[in-house]
Amino acid sequence: MAKVKVFTNILKANDSIAQKNRDIFNKNKVYTINLMSSPGSGKTSLLERTIDSLKNELKIAVIEGDLQTTNDAERIEKYNIPVTQINTDGACHLDANMVDGVLGNYNFKETDLFVIENVGNLVCPAGFDLGEDDRVVMVSIPEGDDKPIKYPVMFRKASVVLINKIDLLAYTNFNMDKVKKDALNINPNLEIFEISCQTGEGLDNWFDWLREQVRKKRDEK
């Protein structure tokens, strides 16, 4: 029972800081996503594609979360946008306090889209609100089609599922209908996009969805 109480207190403290973060994003009308996946699903590749395609339309900023290294942040820096690397030193997720600690690095009056790339993990990040508007979960074809049923909390709290690496679909036994059905059974409100960060297939639909969310955020009263 003591462990449950401690964890509850941790989440309560996290939610308080997450609301502080959300207030900053809302005040500046910055649309914010929390991007999550297993390691290697293609989160950073997605960011590179997204930034390259939308950088002339939207002012984009990024937080890169990882256990170690600055590899991902270095990839994003090449696009000359604001980016901060948060190394968790073994922690399996970002939390709201970590995000709060680097928000001073950004000029949110000059930001339309803020992307927080979480640590590669489909378990721990699901429990921690960072102050985001939406959670985006990426899965990839080589991982198999059982992710929604194995990690339902992640999908229950998401707004979008991106199914990446569809260029490899013909070489696997991945069942696209199954993964979509399982995800929608958990969360009927999910938007699902089939994409390939390698070939670019399907990415225009993702870009259009982002544009619309940014527009809605700008129009909020």
C-alpha atoms as a PDB file:
ATOM      1  CA  MET A   1       0.000   0.000   0.000  1.00  0.00           C
ATOM      2  CA  ALA A   2       2.854   2.412   0.768  1.00  0.00           C
ATOM      3  CA  LYS A   3       4.245   1.998  -2.748  1.00  0.00           C
ATOM      4  CA  VAL A   4       0.875   2.858  -4.267  1.00  0.00           C
ATOM      5  CA  LYS A   5       0.650   5.992  -2.113  1.00  0.00           C
ATOM      6  CA  VAL A   6       4.152   7.121  -3.079  1.00  0.00           C
ATOM      7  CA  PHE A   7       3.424   6.625  -6.777  1.00  0.00           C
ATOM      8  CA  THR A   8       0.136   8.497  -6.443  1.00  0.00           C
ATOM      9  CA  ASN A   9       1.963  11.411  -4.829  1.00  0.00           C
ATOM     10  CA  ILE A  10       4.552  11.416  -7.619  1.00  0.00           C
ATOM     11  CA  LEU A  11       1.844  11.606 -10.258  1.00  0.00           C
ATOM     12  CA  LYS A  12       0.006  14.335  -8.371  1.00  0.00           C
ATOM     13  CA  ALA A  13       3.167  16.447  -8.188  1.00  0.00           C
ATOM     14  CA  ASN A  14       3.851  15.769 -11.865  1.00  0.00           C
ATOM     15  CA  ASP A  15       0.335  16.812 -12.868  1.00  0.00           C
ATOM     16  CA  SER A  16       0.720  20.099 -11.008  1.00  0.00           C
ATOM     17  CA  ILE A  17       3.890  20.967 -12.933  1.00  0.00           C
ATOM     18  CA  ALA A  18       2.329  19.720 -16.181  1.00  0.00           C
ATOM     19  CA  GLN A  19      -0.483  22.219 -15.695  1.00  0.00           C
ATOM     20  CA  LYS A  20       2.107  24.958 -15.247  1.00  0.00           C
ATOM     21  CA  ASN A  21       3.685  23.911 -18.550  1.00  0.00           C
ATOM     22  CA  ARG A  22       0.278  23.795 -20.228  1.00  0.00           C
ATOM     23  CA  ASP A  23      -0.513  27.306 -19.023  1.00  0.00           C
ATOM     24  CA  ILE A  24       2.648  28.564 -20.740  1.00  0.00           C
ATOM     25  CA  PHE A  25       1.781  26.804 -23.995  1.00  0.00           C
ATOM     26  CA  ASN A  26      -1.825  28.001 -23.879  1.00  0.00           C
ATOM     27  CA  LYS A  27      -0.881  31.577 -23.059  1.00  0.00           C
ATOM     28  CA  ASN A  28       1.317  31.673 -26.150  1.00  0.00           C
ATOM     29  CA  LYS A  29      -1.039  29.569 -28.310  1.00  0.00           C
ATOM     30  CA  VAL A  30       1.667  27.013 -28.964  1.00  0.00           C
ATOM     31  CA  TYR A  31       0.384  23.659 -30.162  1.00  0.00           C
ATOM     32  CA  THR A  32       2.334  20.955 -28.299  1.00  0.00           C
ATOM     33  CA  ILE A  33       2.620  17.230 -28.921  1.00  0.00           C
ATOM     34  CA  ASN A  34       4.184  14.457 -26.869  1.00  0.00           C
ATOM     35  CA  LEU A  35       5.662  12.003 -29.381  1.00  0.00           C
ATOM     36  CA  MET A  36       6.104   8.454 -28.091  1.00  0.00           C
ATOM     37  CA  SER A  37       7.112   5.047 -29.424  1.00  0.00           C
ATOM     38  CA  SER A  38       9.321   2.041 -28.860  1.00  0.00           C
ATOM     39  CA  PRO A  39      13.031   2.583 -29.606  1.00  0.00           C
ATOM     40  CA  GLY A  40      13.743   2.578 -33.318  1.00  0.00           C
ATOM     41  CA  SER A  41      10.204   3.148 -34.565  1.00  0.00           C
ATOM     42  CA  GLY A  42      11.262   6.318 -36.366  1.00  0.00           C
ATOM     43  CA  LYS A  43      10.356   9.281 -34.142  1.00  0.00           C
ATOM     44  CA  THR A  44      13.383  11.360 -35.035  1.00  0.00           C
ATOM     45  CA  SER A  45      13.076  10.504 -38.729  1.00  0.00           C
ATOM     46  CA  LEU A  46       9.468  11.682 -38.549  1.00  0.00           C
ATOM     47  CA  LEU A  47      10.604  14.934 -36.969  1.00  0.00           C
ATOM     48  CA  GLU A  48      13.192  15.476 -39.680  1.00  0.00           C
ATOM     49  CA  ARG A  49      10.590  14.955 -42.386  1.00  0.00           C
ATOM     50  CA  THR A  50       8.065  17.170 -40.595  1.00  0.00           C
ATOM     51  CA  ILE A  51      10.484  20.026 -39.973  1.00  0.00           C
ATOM     52  CA  ASP A  52      11.827  19.913 -43.513  1.00  0.00           C
ATOM     53  CA  SER A  53       8.320  20.072 -44.990  1.00  0.00           C
ATOM     54  CA  LEU A  54       6.749  22.650 -42.655  1.00  0.00           C
ATOM     55  CA  LYS A  55       9.651  24.897 -41.647  1.00  0.00           C
ATOM     56  CA  ASN A  56       8.616  27.609 -44.125  1.00  0.00           C
ATOM     57  CA  GLU A  57       5.045  27.615 -42.794  1.00  0.00           C
ATOM     58  CA  LEU A  58       5.404  26.997 -39.065  1.00  0.00           C
ATOM     59  CA  LYS A  59       7.890  28.008 -36.403  1.00  0.00           C
ATOM     60  CA  ILE A  60       8.870  24.699 -34.848  1.00  0.00           C
ATOM     61  CA  ALA A  61      10.793  23.915 -31.648  1.00  0.00           C
ATOM     62  CA  VAL A  62      11.769  20.542 -30.182  1.00  0.00           C
ATOM     63  CA  ILE A  63      12.742  18.781 -26.949  1.00  0.00           C
ATOM     64  CA  GLU A  64      14.664  15.553 -27.457  1.00  0.00           C
ATOM     65  CA  GLY A  65      14.428  13.005 -24.634  1.00  0.00           C
ATOM     66  CA  ASP A  66      16.868  10.112 -24.411  1.00  0.00           C
ATOM     67  CA  LEU A  67      18.631   7.964 -21.843  1.00  0.00           C
ATOM     68  CA  GLN A  68      22.094   9.011 -23.032  1.00  0.00           C
ATOM     69  CA  THR A  69      23.820  10.812 -25.955  1.00  0.00           C
ATOM     70  CA  THR A  70      22.881  13.932 -27.906  1.00  0.00           C
ATOM     71  CA  ASN A  71      22.527  12.075 -31.201  1.00  0.00           C
ATOM     72  CA  ASP A  72      18.899  12.988 -31.824  1.00  0.00           C
ATOM     73  CA  ALA A  73      19.322  16.653 -30.927  1.00  0.00           C
ATOM     74  CA  GLU A  74      22.299  16.856 -33.268  1.00  0.00           C
ATOM     75  CA  ARG A  75      20.126  15.538 -36.086  1.00  0.00           C
ATOM     76  CA  ILE A  76      17.496  18.205 -35.400  1.00  0.00           C
ATOM     77  CA  GLU A  77      20.028  21.034 -34.987  1.00  0.00           C
ATOM     78  CA  LYS A  78      20.854  20.734 -38.678  1.00  0.00           C
ATOM     79  CA  TYR A  79      17.487  22.329 -39.452  1.00  0.00           C
ATOM     80  CA  ASN A  80      18.375  25.500 -37.528  1.00  0.00           C
ATOM     81  CA  ILE A  81      15.431  25.343 -35.164  1.00  0.00           C
ATOM     82  CA  PRO A  82      15.451  25.584 -31.333  1.00  0.00           C
ATOM     83  CA  VAL A  83      16.172  22.177 -29.774  1.00  0.00           C
ATOM     84  CA  THR A  84      17.187  21.000 -26.303  1.00  0.00           C
ATOM     85  CA  GLN A  85      18.376  17.515 -25.376  1.00  0.00           C
ATOM     86  CA  ILE A  86      17.202  16.085 -22.052  1.00  0.00           C
ATOM     87  CA  ASN A  87      19.178  13.037 -20.937  1.00  0.00           C
ATOM     88  CA  THR A  88      17.343  11.090 -18.253  1.00  0.00           C
ATOM     89  CA  ASP A  89      20.406   9.094 -17.124  1.00  0.00           C
ATOM     90  CA  GLY A  90      18.477   5.842 -17.028  1.00  0.00           C
ATOM     91  CA  ALA A  91      14.944   7.049 -16.327  1.00  0.00           C
ATOM     92  CA  CYS A  92      12.502   5.446 -18.764  1.00  0.00           C
ATOM     93  CA  HIS A  93      10.446   8.577 -19.501  1.00  0.00           C
ATOM     94  CA  LEU A  94      10.362  12.353 -19.440  1.00  0.00           C
ATOM     95  CA  ASP A  95       8.338  13.989 -16.694  1.00  0.00           C
ATOM     96  CA  ALA A  96       6.801  17.434 -16.406  1.00  0.00           C
ATOM     97  CA  ASN A  97       9.566  18.727 -14.153  1.00  0.00           C
ATOM     98  CA  MET A  98      12.244  17.830 -16.713  1.00  0.00           C
ATOM     99  CA  VAL A  99      10.298  19.698 -19.383  1.00  0.00           C
ATOM    100  CA  ASP A 100       9.713  22.670 -17.084  1.00  0.00           C
ATOM    101  CA  GLY A 101      13.446  22.852 -16.444  1.00  0.00           C
ATOM    102  CA  VAL A 102      14.265  23.649 -20.085  1.00  0.00           C
ATOM    103  CA  LEU A 103      11.313  25.818 -21.144  1.00  0.00           C
ATOM    104  CA  GLY A 104      13.404  28.909 -20.485  1.00  0.00           C
ATOM    105  CA  ASN A 105      15.461  27.962 -23.544  1.00  0.00           C
ATOM    106  CA  TYR A 106      12.570  28.806 -25.864  1.00  0.00           C
ATOM    107  CA  ASN A 107      10.804  31.913 -27.119  1.00  0.00           C
ATOM    108  CA  PHE A 108       7.235  30.708 -27.249  1.00  0.00           C
ATOM    109  CA  LYS A 109       6.030  33.976 -28.728  1.00  0.00           C
ATOM    110  CA  GLU A 110       7.952  32.824 -31.797  1.00  0.00           C
ATOM    111  CA  THR A 111       6.732  29.201 -31.761  1.00  0.00           C
ATOM    112  CA  ASP A 112       3.754  27.585 -33.489  1.00  0.00           C
ATOM    113  CA  LEU A 113       4.504  23.889 -33.005  1.00  0.00           C
ATOM    114  CA  PHE A 114       6.383  22.423 -30.029  1.00  0.00           C
ATOM    115  CA  VAL A 115       7.333  18.750 -30.233  1.00  0.00           C
ATOM    116  CA  ILE A 116       8.506  16.772 -27.209  1.00  0.00           C
ATOM    117  CA  GLU A 117      10.130  13.547 -28.390  1.00  0.00           C
ATOM    118  CA  ASN A 118       9.867  11.253 -25.403  1.00  0.00           C
ATOM    119  CA  VAL A 119      12.194   8.424 -24.411  1.00  0.00           C
ATOM    120  CA  GLY A 120      11.686   5.291 -26.515  1.00  0.00           C
ATOM    121  CA  ASN A 121       9.283   3.256 -24.373  1.00  0.00           C
ATOM    122  CA  LEU A 122       5.608   2.278 -24.613  1.00  0.00           C
ATOM    123  CA  VAL A 123       5.094   1.815 -20.863  1.00  0.00           C
ATOM    124  CA  CYS A 124       6.465   4.518 -18.560  1.00  0.00           C
ATOM    125  CA  PRO A 125       5.745   7.655 -20.651  1.00  0.00           C
ATOM    126  CA  ALA A 126       2.035   6.826 -20.715  1.00  0.00           C
ATOM    127  CA  GLY A 127       1.665   7.752 -17.036  1.00  0.00           C
ATOM    128  CA  PHE A 128       3.221  11.210 -17.148  1.00  0.00           C
ATOM    129  CA  ASP A 129       1.446  14.301 -18.431  1.00  0.00           C
ATOM    130  CA  LEU A 130       3.958  16.850 -19.745  1.00  0.00           C
ATOM    131  CA  GLY A 131       1.482  19.629 -20.469  1.00  0.00           C
ATOM    132  CA  GLU A 132       0.954  18.642 -24.105  1.00  0.00           C
ATOM    133  CA  ASP A 133      -2.162  19.220 -26.191  1.00  0.00           C
ATOM    134  CA  ASP A 134      -2.019  15.788 -27.801  1.00  0.00           C
ATOM    135  CA  ARG A 135      -0.150  12.517 -27.521  1.00  0.00           C
ATOM    136  CA  VAL A 136       1.087  10.929 -30.723  1.00  0.00           C
ATOM    137  CA  VAL A 137       2.074   7.259 -30.654  1.00  0.00           C
ATOM    138  CA  MET A 138       4.200   5.733 -33.393  1.00  0.00           C
ATOM    139  CA  VAL A 139       4.441   2.033 -34.124  1.00  0.00           C
ATOM    140  CA  SER A 140       6.373   0.468 -36.983  1.00  0.00           C
ATOM    141  CA  ILE A 141       5.791  -2.511 -39.229  1.00  0.00           C
ATOM    142  CA  PRO A 142       8.859  -4.540 -38.084  1.00  0.00           C
ATOM    143  CA  GLU A 143       7.691  -4.385 -34.438  1.00  0.00           C
ATOM    144  CA  GLY A 144       4.624  -6.496 -35.134  1.00  0.00           C
ATOM    145  CA  ASP A 145       0.911  -5.778 -34.910  1.00  0.00           C
ATOM    146  CA  ASP A 146       0.348  -6.501 -31.220  1.00  0.00           C
ATOM    147  CA  LYS A 147       1.362  -3.165 -29.700  1.00  0.00           C
ATOM    148  CA  PRO A 148      -2.140  -1.812 -28.935  1.00  0.00           C
ATOM    149  CA  ILE A 149      -3.241  -4.912 -27.055  1.00  0.00           C
ATOM    150  CA  LYS A 150       0.069  -5.186 -25.194  1.00  0.00           C
ATOM    151  CA  TYR A 151       0.259  -1.491 -24.216  1.00  0.00           C
ATOM    152  CA  PRO A 152      -3.374  -0.297 -24.041  1.00  0.00           C
ATOM    153  CA  VAL A 153      -2.746   2.640 -21.672  1.00  0.00           C
ATOM    154  CA  MET A 154      -0.484   4.286 -24.220  1.00  0.00           C
ATOM    155  CA  PHE A 155      -3.161   4.071 -26.908  1.00  0.00           C
ATOM    156  CA  ARG A 156      -6.048   4.953 -24.609  1.00  0.00           C
ATOM    157  CA  LYS A 157      -4.501   8.352 -23.854  1.00  0.00           C
ATOM    158  CA  ALA A 158      -3.345   9.135 -27.397  1.00  0.00           C
ATOM    159  CA  SER A 159      -4.932  11.289 -30.081  1.00  0.00           C
ATOM    160  CA  VAL A 160      -2.972   9.933 -33.043  1.00  0.00           C
ATOM    161  CA  VAL A 161      -1.351   6.660 -34.060  1.00  0.00           C
ATOM    162  CA  LEU A 162       1.274   6.728 -36.790  1.00  0.00           C
ATOM    163  CA  ILE A 163       2.021   3.364 -38.410  1.00  0.00           C
ATOM    164  CA  ASN A 164       5.508   3.825 -39.845  1.00  0.00           C
ATOM    165  CA  LYS A 165       7.665   1.864 -42.299  1.00  0.00           C
ATOM    166  CA  ILE A 166       4.778   0.796 -44.507  1.00  0.00           C
ATOM    167  CA  ASP A 167       7.362   0.386 -47.279  1.00  0.00           C
ATOM    168  CA  LEU A 168       8.331  -2.841 -45.464  1.00  0.00           C
ATOM    169  CA  LEU A 169       4.789  -4.208 -45.190  1.00  0.00           C
ATOM    170  CA  ALA A 170       5.168  -6.683 -48.068  1.00  0.00           C
ATOM    171  CA  TYR A 171       8.132  -8.309 -46.326  1.00  0.00           C
ATOM    172  CA  THR A 172       6.338  -9.060 -43.043  1.00  0.00           C
ATOM    173  CA  ASN A 173       3.202 -10.735 -41.723  1.00  0.00           C
ATOM    174  CA  PHE A 174       2.031  -7.453 -40.132  1.00  0.00           C
ATOM    175  CA  ASN A 175      -1.778  -7.292 -40.147  1.00  0.00           C
ATOM    176  CA  MET A 176      -2.764  -3.672 -40.773  1.00  0.00           C
ATOM    177  CA  ASP A 177      -6.476  -4.289 -40.229  1.00  0.00           C
ATOM    178  CA  LYS A 178      -5.787  -5.983 -36.895  1.00  0.00           C
ATOM    179  CA  VAL A 179      -3.634  -3.214 -35.458  1.00  0.00           C
ATOM    180  CA  LYS A 180      -6.157  -0.561 -36.491  1.00  0.00           C
ATOM    181  CA  LYS A 181      -9.078  -2.546 -35.087  1.00  0.00           C
ATOM    182  CA  ASP A 182      -7.279  -3.176 -31.794  1.00  0.00           C
ATOM    183  CA  ALA A 183      -6.272   0.481 -31.456  1.00  0.00           C
ATOM    184  CA  LEU A 184      -9.789   1.741 -32.201  1.00  0.00           C
ATOM    185  CA  ASN A 185     -11.329  -0.754 -29.792  1.00  0.00           C
ATOM    186  CA  ILE A 186      -9.190   0.820 -27.080  1.00  0.00           C
ATOM    187  CA  ASN A 187      -9.776   4.400 -28.239  1.00  0.00           C
ATOM    188  CA  PRO A 188     -12.459   4.995 -30.916  1.00  0.00           C
ATOM    189  CA  ASN A 189     -11.400   8.632 -31.287  1.00  0.00           C
ATOM    190  CA  LEU A 190      -7.911   7.898 -32.598  1.00  0.00           C
ATOM    191  CA  GLU A 191      -6.667   9.371 -35.852  1.00  0.00           C
ATOM    192  CA  ILE A 192      -4.565   6.746 -37.642  1.00  0.00           C
ATOM    193  CA  PHE A 193      -2.066   7.517 -40.399  1.00  0.00           C
ATOM    194  CA  GLU A 194      -0.118   4.951 -42.426  1.00  0.00           C
ATOM    195  CA  ILE A 195       3.256   6.470 -43.295  1.00  0.00           C
ATOM    196  CA  SER A 196       6.787   5.804 -44.460  1.00  0.00           C
ATOM    197  CA  CYS A 197       9.466   8.206 -43.292  1.00  0.00           C
ATOM    198  CA  GLN A 198      11.771   6.485 -45.782  1.00  0.00           C
ATOM    199  CA  THR A 199       9.711   7.046 -48.938  1.00  0.00           C
ATOM    200  CA  GLY A 200       7.457   9.879 -47.758  1.00  0.00           C
ATOM    201  CA  GLU A 201       4.273   7.921 -48.464  1.00  0.00           C
ATOM    202  CA  GLY A 202       1.315   9.078 -46.379  1.00  0.00           C
ATOM    203  CA  LEU A 203       3.174  11.957 -44.734  1.00  0.00           C
ATOM    204  CA  ASP A 204       1.084  14.659 -46.433  1.00  0.00           C
ATOM    205  CA  ASN A 205      -1.937  13.512 -44.418  1.00  0.00           C
ATOM    206  CA  TRP A 206       0.079  13.858 -41.214  1.00  0.00           C
ATOM    207  CA  PHE A 207       1.294  17.317 -42.229  1.00  0.00           C
ATOM    208  CA  ASP A 208      -2.258  18.443 -43.019  1.00  0.00           C
ATOM    209  CA  TRP A 209      -3.438  17.197 -39.630  1.00  0.00           C
ATOM    210  CA  LEU A 210      -0.674  19.159 -37.883  1.00  0.00           C
ATOM    211  CA  ARG A 211      -1.476  22.311 -39.828  1.00  0.00           C
ATOM    212  CA  GLU A 212      -5.105  22.052 -38.730  1.00  0.00           C
ATOM    213  CA  GLN A 213      -4.210  21.575 -35.059  1.00  0.00           C
ATOM    214  CA  VAL A 214      -1.893  24.595 -35.128  1.00  0.00           C
ATOM    215  CA  ARG A 215      -4.628  26.659 -36.772  1.00  0.00           C
ATOM    216  CA  LYS A 216      -7.144  25.613 -34.114  1.00  0.00           C
ATOM    217  CA  LYS A 217      -4.696  26.537 -31.376  1.00  0.00           C
ATOM    218  CA  ARG A 218      -4.111  29.970 -32.845  1.00  0.00           C
ATOM    219  CA  ASP A 219      -7.886  30.548 -33.011  1.00  0.00           C
ATOM    220  CA  GLU A 220      -8.517  29.629 -29.371  1.00  0.00           C
ATOM    221  CA  LYS A 221      -9.910  32.459 -27.251  1.00  0.00           C
END
